Amino acid sequence: MEIRHRRPFAKPWKIEEQGESFQIGDAAGRILAHVYFEDEPTRRNFSTRLSEDDARRMVQQILRLAGPDCQGD
């Protein structure tokens, strides 16, 4: 049985703030993840979104878990 290797996402990855979300993208421009946030407490309770600080920490943790060669500037 032949095992095909998938092409990895181009490194380094970068984080960009997009309105109410942080976007993780690779060097080739592919979007890998969105982490949404809401800083207004009442709206956050109804939407079950993270605060902006929590969302920022989450995307930073995703980059750490992906490995040191994925972390951009």
N, C-alpha and C. Protein backbone atom coordinates (compact mmCIF):
# COMPACT_ATOMS: atom_id res chain seq x y z
N MET A 1 0.84 -1.18 0.00
CA MET A 1 0.00 0.00 0.00
C MET A 1 0.89 1.24 0.00
N GLU A 2 0.61 2.16 -0.89
CA GLU A 2 1.39 3.39 -1.00
C GLU A 2 0.81 4.47 -0.08
N ILE A 3 1.69 5.11 0.67
CA ILE A 3 1.26 6.21 1.53
C ILE A 3 1.64 7.51 0.84
N ARG A 4 0.66 8.34 0.62
CA ARG A 4 0.91 9.63 -0.02
C ARG A 4 1.09 10.69 1.06
N HIS A 5 2.11 11.47 0.93
CA HIS A 5 2.35 12.54 1.90
C HIS A 5 1.71 13.83 1.39
N ARG A 6 0.99 14.45 2.26
CA ARG A 6 0.40 15.73 1.90
C ARG A 6 1.46 16.81 1.97
N ARG A 7 1.32 17.78 1.12
CA ARG A 7 2.21 18.92 1.14
C ARG A 7 1.89 19.76 2.37
N PRO A 8 2.88 20.08 3.20
CA PRO A 8 2.60 20.86 4.40
C PRO A 8 2.24 22.30 4.04
N PHE A 9 1.63 22.97 4.98
CA PHE A 9 1.31 24.38 4.78
C PHE A 9 2.61 25.17 4.77
N ALA A 10 2.70 26.14 3.88
CA ALA A 10 3.92 26.94 3.73
C ALA A 10 4.22 27.70 5.02
N LYS A 11 5.47 27.70 5.39
CA LYS A 11 5.88 28.36 6.63
C LYS A 11 6.66 29.61 6.29
N PRO A 12 6.67 30.62 7.11
CA PRO A 12 6.05 30.73 8.43
C PRO A 12 4.57 31.09 8.32
N TRP A 13 3.85 30.84 9.41
CA TRP A 13 2.46 31.22 9.50
C TRP A 13 2.39 32.61 10.10
N LYS A 14 1.29 33.31 9.84
CA LYS A 14 1.15 34.65 10.40
C LYS A 14 -0.25 34.86 10.96
N ILE A 15 -0.35 35.78 11.89
CA ILE A 15 -1.62 36.13 12.52
C ILE A 15 -2.01 37.52 12.04
N GLU A 16 -3.27 37.65 11.61
CA GLU A 16 -3.80 38.95 11.22
C GLU A 16 -5.13 39.17 11.91
N GLU A 17 -5.35 40.39 12.40
CA GLU A 17 -6.64 40.72 13.00
C GLU A 17 -7.58 41.14 11.88
N GLN A 18 -8.76 40.55 11.85
CA GLN A 18 -9.76 40.82 10.81
C GLN A 18 -11.08 41.21 11.47
N GLY A 19 -11.22 42.44 11.90
CA GLY A 19 -12.48 42.87 12.51
C GLY A 19 -12.71 42.18 13.84
N GLU A 20 -13.58 41.18 13.85
CA GLU A 20 -13.92 40.46 15.08
C GLU A 20 -13.31 39.06 15.11
N SER A 21 -12.19 38.88 14.43
CA SER A 21 -11.52 37.58 14.48
C SER A 21 -10.03 37.75 14.25
N PHE A 22 -9.30 36.73 14.65
CA PHE A 22 -7.89 36.62 14.30
C PHE A 22 -7.82 35.51 13.27
N GLN A 23 -7.03 35.73 12.25
CA GLN A 23 -6.89 34.79 11.16
C GLN A 23 -5.46 34.27 11.14
N ILE A 24 -5.31 32.96 11.04
CA ILE A 24 -3.99 32.36 10.89
C ILE A 24 -3.86 31.95 9.43
N GLY A 25 -2.80 32.44 8.79
CA GLY A 25 -2.57 32.12 7.39
C GLY A 25 -1.14 31.63 7.19
N ASP A 26 -0.93 30.89 6.11
CA ASP A 26 0.43 30.43 5.83
C ASP A 26 1.10 31.37 4.84
N ALA A 27 2.36 31.11 4.54
CA ALA A 27 3.15 31.98 3.68
C ALA A 27 2.62 32.00 2.24
N ALA A 28 1.87 30.99 1.84
CA ALA A 28 1.30 30.93 0.50
C ALA A 28 -0.04 31.66 0.40
N GLY A 29 -0.51 32.22 1.53
CA GLY A 29 -1.76 32.96 1.52
C GLY A 29 -3.00 32.15 1.85
N ARG A 30 -2.83 30.86 2.18
CA ARG A 30 -3.99 30.04 2.55
C ARG A 30 -4.42 30.37 3.98
N ILE A 31 -5.73 30.45 4.19
CA ILE A 31 -6.28 30.69 5.52
C ILE A 31 -6.39 29.34 6.22
N LEU A 32 -5.76 29.23 7.39
CA LEU A 32 -5.74 27.96 8.12
C LEU A 32 -6.77 27.93 9.24
N ALA A 33 -7.04 29.10 9.85
CA ALA A 33 -7.99 29.13 10.97
C ALA A 33 -8.46 30.55 11.21
N HIS A 34 -9.67 30.65 11.77
CA HIS A 34 -10.21 31.91 12.28
C HIS A 34 -10.56 31.67 13.74
N VAL A 35 -10.24 32.61 14.61
CA VAL A 35 -10.65 32.55 16.01
C VAL A 35 -11.41 33.85 16.26
N TYR A 36 -12.72 33.72 16.52
CA TYR A 36 -13.59 34.87 16.65
C TYR A 36 -13.62 35.38 18.08
N PHE A 37 -13.83 36.70 18.22
CA PHE A 37 -13.93 37.30 19.55
C PHE A 37 -15.01 38.37 19.57
N GLU A 38 -15.41 38.73 20.77
CA GLU A 38 -16.38 39.80 21.01
C GLU A 38 -16.00 40.44 22.34
N ASP A 39 -15.73 41.73 22.33
CA ASP A 39 -15.31 42.39 23.56
C ASP A 39 -16.46 43.02 24.35
N GLU A 40 -17.63 43.15 23.76
CA GLU A 40 -18.76 43.70 24.50
C GLU A 40 -19.35 42.55 25.32
N PRO A 41 -19.28 42.64 26.68
CA PRO A 41 -19.65 41.50 27.54
C PRO A 41 -21.05 40.94 27.31
N THR A 42 -22.05 41.79 27.12
CA THR A 42 -23.42 41.29 26.94
C THR A 42 -23.53 40.49 25.64
N ARG A 43 -22.99 41.03 24.57
CA ARG A 43 -23.02 40.31 23.29
C ARG A 43 -22.20 39.03 23.36
N ARG A 44 -21.07 39.05 24.08
CA ARG A 44 -20.22 37.86 24.19
C ARG A 44 -20.97 36.74 24.89
N ASN A 45 -21.78 37.07 25.91
CA ASN A 45 -22.55 36.03 26.62
C ASN A 45 -23.54 35.33 25.70
N PHE A 46 -24.14 36.09 24.78
CA PHE A 46 -25.12 35.49 23.87
C PHE A 46 -24.47 34.78 22.69
N SER A 47 -23.30 35.20 22.30
CA SER A 47 -22.66 34.60 21.13
C SER A 47 -21.65 33.51 21.48
N THR A 48 -21.33 33.36 22.74
CA THR A 48 -20.34 32.39 23.24
C THR A 48 -18.97 32.57 22.57
N ARG A 49 -18.62 33.82 22.26
CA ARG A 49 -17.31 34.11 21.71
C ARG A 49 -16.32 34.43 22.82
N LEU A 50 -15.05 34.34 22.49
CA LEU A 50 -13.99 34.67 23.42
C LEU A 50 -13.79 36.18 23.49
N SER A 51 -13.13 36.63 24.55
CA SER A 51 -12.71 38.03 24.58
C SER A 51 -11.55 38.18 23.58
N GLU A 52 -11.22 39.41 23.22
CA GLU A 52 -10.13 39.63 22.27
C GLU A 52 -8.80 39.11 22.82
N ASP A 53 -8.56 39.33 24.12
CA ASP A 53 -7.32 38.84 24.74
C ASP A 53 -7.24 37.32 24.72
N ASP A 54 -8.37 36.66 25.05
CA ASP A 54 -8.38 35.19 25.03
C ASP A 54 -8.19 34.64 23.62
N ALA A 55 -8.80 35.30 22.63
CA ALA A 55 -8.65 34.86 21.24
C ALA A 55 -7.20 35.03 20.79
N ARG A 56 -6.57 36.14 21.17
CA ARG A 56 -5.17 36.37 20.81
C ARG A 56 -4.28 35.29 21.43
N ARG A 57 -4.53 34.96 22.70
CA ARG A 57 -3.75 33.90 23.34
C ARG A 57 -3.96 32.56 22.65
N MET A 58 -5.19 32.30 22.20
CA MET A 58 -5.47 31.03 21.54
C MET A 58 -4.71 30.91 20.22
N VAL A 59 -4.69 31.96 19.40
CA VAL A 59 -3.97 31.85 18.12
C VAL A 59 -2.47 31.75 18.36
N GLN A 60 -1.97 32.42 19.38
CA GLN A 60 -0.55 32.29 19.71
C GLN A 60 -0.22 30.87 20.15
N GLN A 61 -1.13 30.25 20.89
CA GLN A 61 -0.93 28.87 21.32
C GLN A 61 -0.98 27.91 20.13
N ILE A 62 -1.85 28.16 19.17
CA ILE A 62 -1.91 27.34 17.96
C ILE A 62 -0.56 27.37 17.24
N LEU A 63 0.02 28.57 17.11
CA LEU A 63 1.33 28.68 16.47
C LEU A 63 2.40 27.94 17.26
N ARG A 64 2.35 28.02 18.59
CA ARG A 64 3.33 27.29 19.41
C ARG A 64 3.21 25.79 19.20
N LEU A 65 1.97 25.29 19.16
CA LEU A 65 1.74 23.86 18.98
C LEU A 65 2.17 23.39 17.60
N ALA A 66 2.07 24.26 16.61
CA ALA A 66 2.46 23.91 15.24
C ALA A 66 3.97 23.76 15.12
N GLY A 67 4.73 24.34 16.04
CA GLY A 67 6.18 24.20 16.03
C GLY A 67 6.89 25.52 15.80
N PRO A 68 8.14 25.57 16.21
CA PRO A 68 8.88 26.82 16.10
C PRO A 68 9.11 27.28 14.66
N ASP A 69 9.15 26.37 13.70
CA ASP A 69 9.38 26.78 12.32
C ASP A 69 8.13 27.37 11.67
N CYS A 70 6.97 27.28 12.35
CA CYS A 70 5.73 27.87 11.82
C CYS A 70 5.54 29.31 12.28
N GLN A 71 6.24 29.71 13.32
CA GLN A 71 6.05 31.03 13.89
C GLN A 71 6.72 32.09 13.06
N GLY A 72 5.93 33.08 12.66
CA GLY A 72 6.44 34.18 11.85
C GLY A 72 6.91 35.31 12.74
N ASP A 73 6.90 36.52 12.15
CA ASP A 73 7.36 37.71 12.88
C ASP A 73 6.49 38.00 14.07
